[in-house]
Amino acid sequence: MEKIRLKLKAYDHRVLDRSVVSIVEAVKRTGAEIRGPIPLPTKKRRYTVLKSPHINKDSREQFEIRVHARIIDIVSATSETVDSLTKLDMAPEVDVEVRSMGK
């Protein structure tokens, strides 16, 4: 029995939510206790770019990238839970960070 923390990040919140649902279903099938998903604040990175670098300094374009994040804590993880998580087919757009928190 150990505690596992999953941190999921994606640019599209719909893809992220679908991945979270599949993880929660897989963990509940193994009988492990789960806490979450906890939505984290969306990080917004904004960029301002000159349209033409040599003339028209006042003419600019602005871009924004939003990174959505969720945390899932698996409190009583067993080897069966870990096996079901590794067999999941995740979307390639979702970045998953797994951290073992010990007992």
PDB file of N, CA and C in Angstrom:
ATOM      1  N   MET A   1       0.839  -1.177   0.000  1.00  0.00           N
ATOM      2  CA  MET A   1       0.000   0.000   0.000  1.00  0.00           C
ATOM      3  C   MET A   1       0.889   1.247   0.000  1.00  0.00           C
ATOM      4  N   GLU A   2       0.698   2.072  -0.996  1.00  0.00           N
ATOM      5  CA  GLU A   2       1.442   3.315  -1.068  1.00  0.00           C
ATOM      6  C   GLU A   2       0.568   4.394  -1.670  1.00  0.00           C
ATOM      7  N   LYS A   3       1.027   5.618  -1.547  1.00  0.00           N
ATOM      8  CA  LYS A   3       0.291   6.753  -2.090  1.00  0.00           C
ATOM      9  C   LYS A   3       0.972   7.220  -3.369  1.00  0.00           C
ATOM     10  N   ILE A   4       0.166   7.424  -4.416  1.00  0.00           N
ATOM     11  CA  ILE A   4       0.681   7.864  -5.711  1.00  0.00           C
ATOM     12  C   ILE A   4      -0.026   9.157  -6.088  1.00  0.00           C
ATOM     13  N   ARG A   5       0.731  10.132  -6.570  1.00  0.00           N
ATOM     14  CA  ARG A   5       0.156  11.398  -7.039  1.00  0.00           C
ATOM     15  C   ARG A   5       0.392  11.517  -8.535  1.00  0.00           C
ATOM     16  N   LEU A   6      -0.688  11.723  -9.271  1.00  0.00           N
ATOM     17  CA  LEU A   6      -0.626  11.931 -10.720  1.00  0.00           C
ATOM     18  C   LEU A   6      -0.924  13.392 -10.997  1.00  0.00           C
ATOM     19  N   LYS A   7      -0.068  14.040 -11.773  1.00  0.00           N
ATOM     20  CA  LYS A   7      -0.296  15.413 -12.188  1.00  0.00           C
ATOM     21  C   LYS A   7      -0.400  15.410 -13.701  1.00  0.00           C
ATOM     22  N   LEU A   8      -1.572  15.811 -14.203  1.00  0.00           N
ATOM     23  CA  LEU A   8      -1.838  15.793 -15.630  1.00  0.00           C
ATOM     24  C   LEU A   8      -1.896  17.213 -16.152  1.00  0.00           C
ATOM     25  N   LYS A   9      -1.269  17.451 -17.313  1.00  0.00           N
ATOM     26  CA  LYS A   9      -1.269  18.772 -17.947  1.00  0.00           C
ATOM     27  C   LYS A   9      -1.616  18.610 -19.418  1.00  0.00           C
ATOM     28  N   ALA A  10      -2.386  19.578 -19.949  1.00  0.00           N
ATOM     29  CA  ALA A  10      -2.726  19.566 -21.371  1.00  0.00           C
ATOM     30  C   ALA A  10      -3.141  20.959 -21.794  1.00  0.00           C
ATOM     31  N   TYR A  11      -3.067  21.203 -23.101  1.00  0.00           N
ATOM     32  CA  TYR A  11      -3.506  22.486 -23.647  1.00  0.00           C
ATOM     33  C   TYR A  11      -5.020  22.525 -23.832  1.00  0.00           C
ATOM     34  N   ASP A  12      -5.643  21.377 -24.082  1.00  0.00           N
ATOM     35  CA  ASP A  12      -7.079  21.297 -24.306  1.00  0.00           C
ATOM     36  C   ASP A  12      -7.742  20.660 -23.082  1.00  0.00           C
ATOM     37  N   HIS A  13      -8.672  21.355 -22.453  1.00  0.00           N
ATOM     38  CA  HIS A  13      -9.279  20.856 -21.218  1.00  0.00           C
ATOM     39  C   HIS A  13     -10.206  19.667 -21.471  1.00  0.00           C
ATOM     40  N   ARG A  14     -10.777  19.553 -22.669  1.00  0.00           N
ATOM     41  CA  ARG A  14     -11.670  18.421 -22.957  1.00  0.00           C
ATOM     42  C   ARG A  14     -10.885  17.112 -23.040  1.00  0.00           C
ATOM     43  N   VAL A  15      -9.731  17.134 -23.677  1.00  0.00           N
ATOM     44  CA  VAL A  15      -8.876  15.944 -23.760  1.00  0.00           C
ATOM     45  C   VAL A  15      -8.382  15.571 -22.373  1.00  0.00           C
ATOM     46  N   LEU A  16      -8.052  16.567 -21.580  1.00  0.00           N
ATOM     47  CA  LEU A  16      -7.579  16.333 -20.217  1.00  0.00           C
ATOM     48  C   LEU A  16      -8.671  15.685 -19.372  1.00  0.00           C
ATOM     49  N   ASP A  17      -9.896  16.174 -19.465  1.00  0.00           N
ATOM     50  CA  ASP A  17     -10.999  15.607 -18.683  1.00  0.00           C
ATOM     51  C   ASP A  17     -11.309  14.171 -19.102  1.00  0.00           C
ATOM     52  N   ARG A  18     -11.219  13.862 -20.402  1.00  0.00           N
ATOM     53  CA  ARG A  18     -11.434  12.484 -20.847  1.00  0.00           C
ATOM     54  C   ARG A  18     -10.368  11.555 -20.278  1.00  0.00           C
ATOM     55  N   SER A  19      -9.129  12.016 -20.224  1.00  0.00           N
ATOM     56  CA  SER A  19      -8.043  11.202 -19.668  1.00  0.00           C
ATOM     57  C   SER A  19      -8.233  10.982 -18.177  1.00  0.00           C
ATOM     58  N   VAL A  20      -8.694  12.025 -17.480  1.00  0.00           N
ATOM     59  CA  VAL A  20      -8.933  11.913 -16.043  1.00  0.00           C
ATOM     60  C   VAL A  20     -10.023  10.887 -15.767  1.00  0.00           C
ATOM     61  N   VAL A  21     -11.092  10.902 -16.569  1.00  0.00           N
ATOM     62  CA  VAL A  21     -12.185   9.951 -16.379  1.00  0.00           C
ATOM     63  C   VAL A  21     -11.699   8.521 -16.585  1.00  0.00           C
ATOM     64  N   SER A  22     -10.876   8.291 -17.591  1.00  0.00           N
ATOM     65  CA  SER A  22     -10.369   6.932 -17.830  1.00  0.00           C
ATOM     66  C   SER A  22      -9.458   6.466 -16.693  1.00  0.00           C
ATOM     67  N   ILE A  23      -8.657   7.371 -16.135  1.00  0.00           N
ATOM     68  CA  ILE A  23      -7.785   7.012 -15.003  1.00  0.00           C
ATOM     69  C   ILE A  23      -8.626   6.684 -13.779  1.00  0.00           C
ATOM     70  N   VAL A  24      -9.625   7.506 -13.493  1.00  0.00           N
ATOM     71  CA  VAL A  24     -10.467   7.285 -12.312  1.00  0.00           C
ATOM     72  C   VAL A  24     -11.210   5.954 -12.421  1.00  0.00           C
ATOM     73  N   GLU A  25     -11.732   5.636 -13.601  1.00  0.00           N
ATOM     74  CA  GLU A  25     -12.428   4.358 -13.789  1.00  0.00           C
ATOM     75  C   GLU A  25     -11.485   3.177 -13.598  1.00  0.00           C
ATOM     76  N   ALA A  26     -10.276   3.267 -14.131  1.00  0.00           N
ATOM     77  CA  ALA A  26      -9.307   2.176 -13.999  1.00  0.00           C
ATOM     78  C   ALA A  26      -8.902   1.962 -12.549  1.00  0.00           C
ATOM     79  N   VAL A  27      -8.732   3.051 -11.808  1.00  0.00           N
ATOM     80  CA  VAL A  27      -8.320   2.931 -10.401  1.00  0.00           C
ATOM     81  C   VAL A  27      -9.459   2.387  -9.553  1.00  0.00           C
ATOM     82  N   LYS A  28     -10.690   2.829  -9.817  1.00  0.00           N
ATOM     83  CA  LYS A  28     -11.830   2.337  -9.036  1.00  0.00           C
ATOM     84  C   LYS A  28     -12.097   0.857  -9.292  1.00  0.00           C
ATOM     85  N   ARG A  29     -11.809   0.363 -10.504  1.00  0.00           N
ATOM     86  CA  ARG A  29     -11.985  -1.061 -10.805  1.00  0.00           C
ATOM     87  C   ARG A  29     -11.075  -1.936  -9.954  1.00  0.00           C
ATOM     88  N   THR A  30      -9.891  -1.413  -9.594  1.00  0.00           N
ATOM     89  CA  THR A  30      -8.958  -2.203  -8.780  1.00  0.00           C
ATOM     90  C   THR A  30      -9.282  -2.116  -7.301  1.00  0.00           C
ATOM     91  N   GLY A  31     -10.192  -1.236  -6.915  1.00  0.00           N
ATOM     92  CA  GLY A  31     -10.593  -1.137  -5.511  1.00  0.00           C
ATOM     93  C   GLY A  31      -9.749  -0.181  -4.683  1.00  0.00           C
ATOM     94  N   ALA A  32      -8.923   0.602  -5.320  1.00  0.00           N
ATOM     95  CA  ALA A  32      -8.084   1.557  -4.583  1.00  0.00           C
ATOM     96  C   ALA A  32      -8.889   2.814  -4.267  1.00  0.00           C
ATOM     97  N   GLU A  33      -8.494   3.492  -3.200  1.00  0.00           N
ATOM     98  CA  GLU A  33      -9.150   4.748  -2.808  1.00  0.00           C
ATOM     99  C   GLU A  33      -8.513   5.899  -3.572  1.00  0.00           C
ATOM    100  N   ILE A  34      -9.355   6.803  -4.061  1.00  0.00           N
ATOM    101  CA  ILE A  34      -8.871   7.892  -4.908  1.00  0.00           C
ATOM    102  C   ILE A  34      -9.383   9.223  -4.373  1.00  0.00           C
ATOM    103  N   ARG A  35      -8.556  10.246  -4.483  1.00  0.00           N
ATOM    104  CA  ARG A  35      -8.956  11.606  -4.117  1.00  0.00           C
ATOM    105  C   ARG A  35      -8.711  12.500  -5.317  1.00  0.00           C
ATOM    106  N   GLY A  36      -9.742  13.148  -5.763  1.00  0.00           N
ATOM    107  CA  GLY A  36      -9.595  14.036  -6.901  1.00  0.00           C
ATOM    108  C   GLY A  36     -10.536  13.646  -7.999  1.00  0.00           C
ATOM    109  N   PRO A  37     -10.418  14.180  -9.142  1.00  0.00           N
ATOM    110  CA  PRO A  37      -9.399  15.093  -9.650  1.00  0.00           C
ATOM    111  C   PRO A  37      -9.567  16.511  -9.100  1.00  0.00           C
ATOM    112  N   ILE A  38      -8.463  17.103  -8.750  1.00  0.00           N
ATOM    113  CA  ILE A  38      -8.433  18.462  -8.228  1.00  0.00           C
ATOM    114  C   ILE A  38      -7.966  19.382  -9.351  1.00  0.00           C
ATOM    115  N   PRO A  39      -8.822  20.301  -9.808  1.00  0.00           N
ATOM    116  CA  PRO A  39      -8.380  21.217 -10.867  1.00  0.00           C
ATOM    117  C   PRO A  39      -7.448  22.294 -10.315  1.00  0.00           C
ATOM    118  N   LEU A  40      -6.328  22.465 -10.971  1.00  0.00           N
ATOM    119  CA  LEU A  40      -5.373  23.503 -10.595  1.00  0.00           C
ATOM    120  C   LEU A  40      -5.629  24.750 -11.445  1.00  0.00           C
ATOM    121  N   PRO A  41      -5.163  25.904 -11.026  1.00  0.00           N
ATOM    122  CA  PRO A  41      -5.360  27.112 -11.832  1.00  0.00           C
ATOM    123  C   PRO A  41      -4.717  26.981 -13.215  1.00  0.00           C
ATOM    124  N   THR A  42      -5.392  27.520 -14.204  1.00  0.00           N
ATOM    125  CA  THR A  42      -4.895  27.491 -15.572  1.00  0.00           C
ATOM    126  C   THR A  42      -3.765  28.503 -15.723  1.00  0.00           C
ATOM    127  N   LYS A  43      -2.640  28.042 -16.241  1.00  0.00           N
ATOM    128  CA  LYS A  43      -1.508  28.945 -16.463  1.00  0.00           C
ATOM    129  C   LYS A  43      -1.620  29.524 -17.860  1.00  0.00           C
ATOM    130  N   LYS A  44      -1.526  30.830 -17.947  1.00  0.00           N
ATOM    131  CA  LYS A  44      -1.625  31.521 -19.236  1.00  0.00           C
ATOM    132  C   LYS A  44      -0.278  32.157 -19.551  1.00  0.00           C
ATOM    133  N   ARG A  45       0.276  31.782 -20.698  1.00  0.00           N
ATOM    134  CA  ARG A  45       1.518  32.398 -21.164  1.00  0.00           C
ATOM    135  C   ARG A  45       1.171  33.253 -22.368  1.00  0.00           C
ATOM    136  N   ARG A  46       1.488  34.534 -22.277  1.00  0.00           N
ATOM    137  CA  ARG A  46       1.144  35.478 -23.341  1.00  0.00           C
ATOM    138  C   ARG A  46       2.414  35.967 -24.022  1.00  0.00           C
ATOM    139  N   TYR A  47       2.321  36.062 -25.344  1.00  0.00           N
ATOM    140  CA  TYR A  47       3.445  36.520 -26.150  1.00  0.00           C
ATOM    141  C   TYR A  47       2.977  37.658 -27.053  1.00  0.00           C
ATOM    142  N   THR A  48       3.787  38.698 -27.162  1.00  0.00           N
ATOM    143  CA  THR A  48       3.528  39.792 -28.093  1.00  0.00           C
ATOM    144  C   THR A  48       4.642  39.794 -29.130  1.00  0.00           C
ATOM    145  N   VAL A  49       4.237  39.794 -30.395  1.00  0.00           N
ATOM    146  CA  VAL A  49       5.194  39.675 -31.497  1.00  0.00           C
ATOM    147  C   VAL A  49       4.959  40.830 -32.460  1.00  0.00           C
ATOM    148  N   LEU A  50       6.060  41.434 -32.935  1.00  0.00           N
ATOM    149  CA  LEU A  50       5.943  42.461 -33.965  1.00  0.00           C
ATOM    150  C   LEU A  50       5.541  41.810 -35.283  1.00  0.00           C
ATOM    151  N   LYS A  51       4.578  42.417 -35.984  1.00  0.00           N
ATOM    152  CA  LYS A  51       4.153  41.861 -37.270  1.00  0.00           C
ATOM    153  C   LYS A  51       5.252  42.030 -38.322  1.00  0.00           C
ATOM    154  N   SER A  52       5.882  43.179 -38.315  1.00  0.00           N
ATOM    155  CA  SER A  52       6.962  43.437 -39.246  1.00  0.00           C
ATOM    156  C   SER A  52       8.141  43.967 -38.430  1.00  0.00           C
ATOM    157  N   PRO A  53       9.274  43.284 -38.419  1.00  0.00           N
ATOM    158  CA  PRO A  53      10.364  43.681 -37.529  1.00  0.00           C
ATOM    159  C   PRO A  53      11.065  44.985 -37.920  1.00  0.00           C
ATOM    160  N   HIS A  54      10.946  45.421 -39.159  1.00  0.00           N
ATOM    161  CA  HIS A  54      11.718  46.590 -39.581  1.00  0.00           C
ATOM    162  C   HIS A  54      10.902  47.878 -39.584  1.00  0.00           C
ATOM    163  N   ILE A  55       9.617  47.773 -39.902  1.00  0.00           N
ATOM    164  CA  ILE A  55       8.780  48.973 -39.938  1.00  0.00           C
ATOM    165  C   ILE A  55       7.500  48.696 -39.155  1.00  0.00           C
ATOM    166  N   ASN A  56       6.736  49.743 -38.887  1.00  0.00           N
ATOM    167  CA  ASN A  56       5.458  49.628 -38.182  1.00  0.00           C
ATOM    168  C   ASN A  56       5.605  48.962 -36.811  1.00  0.00           C
ATOM    169  N   LYS A  57       6.362  49.621 -35.950  1.00  0.00           N
ATOM    170  CA  LYS A  57       6.559  49.089 -34.609  1.00  0.00           C
ATOM    171  C   LYS A  57       5.253  49.011 -33.829  1.00  0.00           C
ATOM    172  N   ASP A  58       4.270  49.828 -34.180  1.00  0.00           N
ATOM    173  CA  ASP A  58       3.001  49.829 -33.463  1.00  0.00           C
ATOM    174  C   ASP A  58       2.107  48.657 -33.866  1.00  0.00           C
ATOM    175  N   SER A  59       2.439  47.985 -34.938  1.00  0.00           N
ATOM    176  CA  SER A  59       1.629  46.866 -35.426  1.00  0.00           C
ATOM    177  C   SER A  59       2.138  45.577 -34.783  1.00  0.00           C
ATOM    178  N   ARG A  60       1.337  44.990 -33.869  1.00  0.00           N
ATOM    179  CA  ARG A  60       1.769  43.803 -33.137  1.00  0.00           C
ATOM    180  C   ARG A  60       0.666  42.758 -33.094  1.00  0.00           C
ATOM    181  N   GLU A  61       1.070  41.519 -32.891  1.00  0.00           N
ATOM    182  CA  GLU A  61       0.125  40.415 -32.697  1.00  0.00           C
ATOM    183  C   GLU A  61       0.350  39.851 -31.311  1.00  0.00           C
ATOM    184  N   GLN A  62      -0.739  39.395 -30.683  1.00  0.00           N
ATOM    185  CA  GLN A  62      -0.638  38.811 -29.351  1.00  0.00           C
ATOM    186  C   GLN A  62      -1.163  37.387 -29.391  1.00  0.00           C
ATOM    187  N   PHE A  63      -0.410  36.485 -28.750  1.00  0.00           N
ATOM    188  CA  PHE A  63      -0.773  35.077 -28.687  1.00  0.00           C
ATOM    189  C   PHE A  63      -0.824  34.642 -27.231  1.00  0.00           C
ATOM    190  N   GLU A  64      -1.610  33.597 -26.973  1.00  0.00           N
ATOM    191  CA  GLU A  64      -1.770  33.099 -25.607  1.00  0.00           C
ATOM    192  C   GLU A  64      -1.814  31.576 -25.639  1.00  0.00           C
ATOM    193  N   ILE A  65      -1.100  30.965 -24.713  1.00  0.00           N
ATOM    194  CA  ILE A  65      -1.131  29.516 -24.544  1.00  0.00           C
ATOM    195  C   ILE A  65      -1.661  29.244 -23.138  1.00  0.00           C
ATOM    196  N   ARG A  66      -2.683  28.406 -23.067  1.00  0.00           N
ATOM    197  CA  ARG A  66      -3.257  28.040 -21.763  1.00  0.00           C
ATOM    198  C   ARG A  66      -2.892  26.596 -21.452  1.00  0.00           C
ATOM    199  N   VAL A  67      -2.401  26.367 -20.235  1.00  0.00           N
ATOM    200  CA  VAL A  67      -2.041  25.028 -19.784  1.00  0.00           C
ATOM    201  C   VAL A  67      -2.973  24.670 -18.630  1.00  0.00           C
ATOM    202  N   HIS A  68      -3.822  23.664 -18.857  1.00  0.00           N
ATOM    203  CA  HIS A  68      -4.763  23.199 -17.844  1.00  0.00           C
ATOM    204  C   HIS A  68      -4.114  22.045 -17.089  1.00  0.00           C
ATOM    205  N   ALA A  69      -4.378  21.946 -15.786  1.00  0.00           N
ATOM    206  CA  ALA A  69      -3.750  20.909 -14.966  1.00  0.00           C
ATOM    207  C   ALA A  69      -4.750  20.325 -13.974  1.00  0.00           C
ATOM    208  N   ARG A  70      -4.562  19.032 -13.662  1.00  0.00           N
ATOM    209  CA  ARG A  70      -5.367  18.329 -12.677  1.00  0.00           C
ATOM    210  C   ARG A  70      -4.434  17.458 -11.837  1.00  0.00           C
ATOM    211  N   ILE A  71      -4.811  17.259 -10.561  1.00  0.00           N
ATOM    212  CA  ILE A  71      -4.066  16.365  -9.673  1.00  0.00           C
ATOM    213  C   ILE A  71      -5.006  15.257  -9.214  1.00  0.00           C
ATOM    214  N   ILE A  72      -4.502  14.029  -9.229  1.00  0.00           N
ATOM    215  CA  ILE A  72      -5.240  12.879  -8.724  1.00  0.00           C
ATOM    216  C   ILE A  72      -4.346  12.179  -7.709  1.00  0.00           C
ATOM    217  N   ASP A  73      -4.868  11.943  -6.496  1.00  0.00           N
ATOM    218  CA  ASP A  73      -4.151  11.201  -5.469  1.00  0.00           C
ATOM    219  C   ASP A  73      -4.762   9.818  -5.330  1.00  0.00           C
ATOM    220  N   ILE A  74      -3.940   8.795  -5.444  1.00  0.00           N
ATOM    221  CA  ILE A  74      -4.368   7.423  -5.212  1.00  0.00           C
ATOM    222  C   ILE A  74      -3.811   7.041  -3.851  1.00  0.00           C
ATOM    223  N   VAL A  75      -4.701   6.882  -2.883  1.00  0.00           N
ATOM    224  CA  VAL A  75      -4.274   6.736  -1.490  1.00  0.00           C
ATOM    225  C   VAL A  75      -3.782   5.325  -1.195  1.00  0.00           C
ATOM    226  N   SER A  76      -4.544   4.318  -1.553  1.00  0.00           N
ATOM    227  CA  SER A  76      -4.150   2.945  -1.222  1.00  0.00           C
ATOM    228  C   SER A  76      -3.905   2.169  -2.508  1.00  0.00           C
ATOM    229  N   ALA A  77      -2.775   2.431  -3.122  1.00  0.00           N
ATOM    230  CA  ALA A  77      -2.444   1.797  -4.391  1.00  0.00           C
ATOM    231  C   ALA A  77      -1.813   0.427  -4.162  1.00  0.00           C
ATOM    232  N   THR A  78      -2.220  -0.531  -4.965  1.00  0.00           N
ATOM    233  CA  THR A  78      -1.642  -1.869  -4.925  1.00  0.00           C
ATOM    234  C   THR A  78      -0.909  -2.117  -6.238  1.00  0.00           C
ATOM    235  N   SER A  79      -0.297  -3.284  -6.349  1.00  0.00           N
ATOM    236  CA  SER A  79       0.403  -3.608  -7.591  1.00  0.00           C
ATOM    237  C   SER A  79      -0.591  -3.747  -8.746  1.00  0.00           C
ATOM    238  N   GLU A  80      -1.814  -4.190  -8.441  1.00  0.00           N
ATOM    239  CA  GLU A  80      -2.862  -4.297  -9.470  1.00  0.00           C
ATOM    240  C   GLU A  80      -3.245  -2.906  -9.995  1.00  0.00           C
ATOM    241  N   THR A  81      -3.266  -1.917  -9.115  1.00  0.00           N
ATOM    242  CA  THR A  81      -3.570  -0.537  -9.520  1.00  0.00           C
ATOM    243  C   THR A  81      -2.493   0.006 -10.444  1.00  0.00           C
ATOM    244  N   VAL A  82      -1.243  -0.230 -10.108  1.00  0.00           N
ATOM    245  CA  VAL A  82      -0.128   0.243 -10.928  1.00  0.00           C
ATOM    246  C   VAL A  82      -0.160  -0.429 -12.299  1.00  0.00           C
ATOM    247  N   ASP A  83      -0.468  -1.733 -12.337  1.00  0.00           N
ATOM    248  CA  ASP A  83      -0.557  -2.445 -13.610  1.00  0.00           C
ATOM    249  C   ASP A  83      -1.666  -1.879 -14.488  1.00  0.00           C
ATOM    250  N   SER A  84      -2.822  -1.564 -13.895  1.00  0.00           N
ATOM    251  CA  SER A  84      -3.925  -1.017 -14.687  1.00  0.00           C
ATOM    252  C   SER A  84      -3.596   0.380 -15.204  1.00  0.00           C
ATOM    253  N   LEU A  85      -2.820   1.148 -14.443  1.00  0.00           N
ATOM    254  CA  LEU A  85      -2.421   2.483 -14.900  1.00  0.00           C
ATOM    255  C   LEU A  85      -1.423   2.409 -16.045  1.00  0.00           C
ATOM    256  N   THR A  86      -0.521   1.444 -16.009  1.00  0.00           N
ATOM    257  CA  THR A  86       0.465   1.338 -17.084  1.00  0.00           C
ATOM    258  C   THR A  86      -0.156   0.821 -18.373  1.00  0.00           C
ATOM    259  N   LYS A  87      -1.257   0.070 -18.276  1.00  0.00           N
ATOM    260  CA  LYS A  87      -1.911  -0.469 -19.471  1.00  0.00           C
ATOM    261  C   LYS A  87      -2.868   0.517 -20.120  1.00  0.00           C
ATOM    262  N   LEU A  88      -3.125   1.658 -19.480  1.00  0.00           N
ATOM    263  CA  LEU A  88      -4.043   2.647 -20.043  1.00  0.00           C
ATOM    264  C   LEU A  88      -3.459   3.267 -21.305  1.00  0.00           C
ATOM    265  N   ASP A  89      -4.330   3.508 -22.274  1.00  0.00           N
ATOM    266  CA  ASP A  89      -3.929   4.168 -23.511  1.00  0.00           C
ATOM    267  C   ASP A  89      -4.284   5.653 -23.384  1.00  0.00           C
ATOM    268  N   MET A  90      -3.291   6.477 -23.085  1.00  0.00           N
ATOM    269  CA  MET A  90      -3.515   7.908 -22.856  1.00  0.00           C
ATOM    270  C   MET A  90      -3.373   8.678 -24.161  1.00  0.00           C
ATOM    271  N   ALA A  91      -4.041   9.823 -24.211  1.00  0.00           N
ATOM    272  CA  ALA A  91      -3.929  10.712 -25.370  1.00  0.00           C
ATOM    273  C   ALA A  91      -2.514  11.285 -25.416  1.00  0.00           C
ATOM    274  N   PRO A  92      -1.941  11.436 -26.606  1.00  0.00           N
ATOM    275  CA  PRO A  92      -0.567  11.950 -26.688  1.00  0.00           C
ATOM    276  C   PRO A  92      -0.447  13.415 -26.276  1.00  0.00           C
ATOM    277  N   GLU A  93      -1.567  14.156 -26.245  1.00  0.00           N
ATOM    278  CA  GLU A  93      -1.507  15.568 -25.864  1.00  0.00           C
ATOM    279  C   GLU A  93      -1.380  15.765 -24.361  1.00  0.00           C
ATOM    280  N   VAL A  94      -1.649  14.727 -23.567  1.00  0.00           N
ATOM    281  CA  VAL A  94      -1.669  14.848 -22.117  1.00  0.00           C
ATOM    282  C   VAL A  94      -0.311  14.462 -21.553  1.00  0.00           C
ATOM    283  N   ASP A  95       0.248  15.334 -20.727  1.00  0.00           N
ATOM    284  CA  ASP A  95       1.512  15.071 -20.048  1.00  0.00           C
ATOM    285  C   ASP A  95       1.198  14.575 -18.646  1.00  0.00           C
ATOM    286  N   VAL A  96       1.669  13.378 -18.300  1.00  0.00           N
ATOM    287  CA  VAL A  96       1.389  12.768 -17.001  1.00  0.00           C
ATOM    288  C   VAL A  96       2.684  12.686 -16.212  1.00  0.00           C
ATOM    289  N   GLU A  97       2.640  13.242 -15.006  1.00  0.00           N
ATOM    290  CA  GLU A  97       3.790  13.170 -14.094  1.00  0.00           C
ATOM    291  C   GLU A  97       3.373  12.315 -12.901  1.00  0.00           C
ATOM    292  N   VAL A  98       4.093  11.225 -12.653  1.00  0.00           N
ATOM    293  CA  VAL A  98       3.757  10.286 -11.581  1.00  0.00           C
ATOM    294  C   VAL A  98       4.795  10.421 -10.482  1.00  0.00           C
ATOM    295  N   ARG A  99       4.282  10.557  -9.256  1.00  0.00           N
ATOM    296  CA  ARG A  99       5.190  10.670  -8.104  1.00  0.00           C
ATOM    297  C   ARG A  99       4.709   9.734  -7.003  1.00  0.00           C
ATOM    298  N   SER A 100       5.599   8.927  -6.473  1.00  0.00           N
ATOM    299  CA  SER A 100       5.269   8.034  -5.362  1.00  0.00           C
ATOM    300  C   SER A 100       5.517   8.800  -4.067  1.00  0.00           C
ATOM    301  N   MET A 101       4.500   8.808  -3.211  1.00  0.00           N
ATOM    302  CA  MET A 101       4.581   9.581  -1.973  1.00  0.00           C
ATOM    303  C   MET A 101       4.962   8.704  -0.772  1.00  0.00           C
ATOM    304  N   GLY A 102       5.221   7.422  -0.977  1.00  0.00           N
ATOM    305  CA  GLY A 102       5.569   6.534   0.125  1.00  0.00           C
ATOM    306  C   GLY A 102       4.320   6.028   0.815  1.00  0.00           C
ATOM    307  N   LYS A 103       4.470   5.596   2.074  1.00  0.00           N
ATOM    308  CA  LYS A 103       3.326   5.040   2.811  1.00  0.00           C
ATOM    309  C   LYS A 103       2.664   6.063   3.678  1.00  0.00           C
TER     310      LYS A 103
END
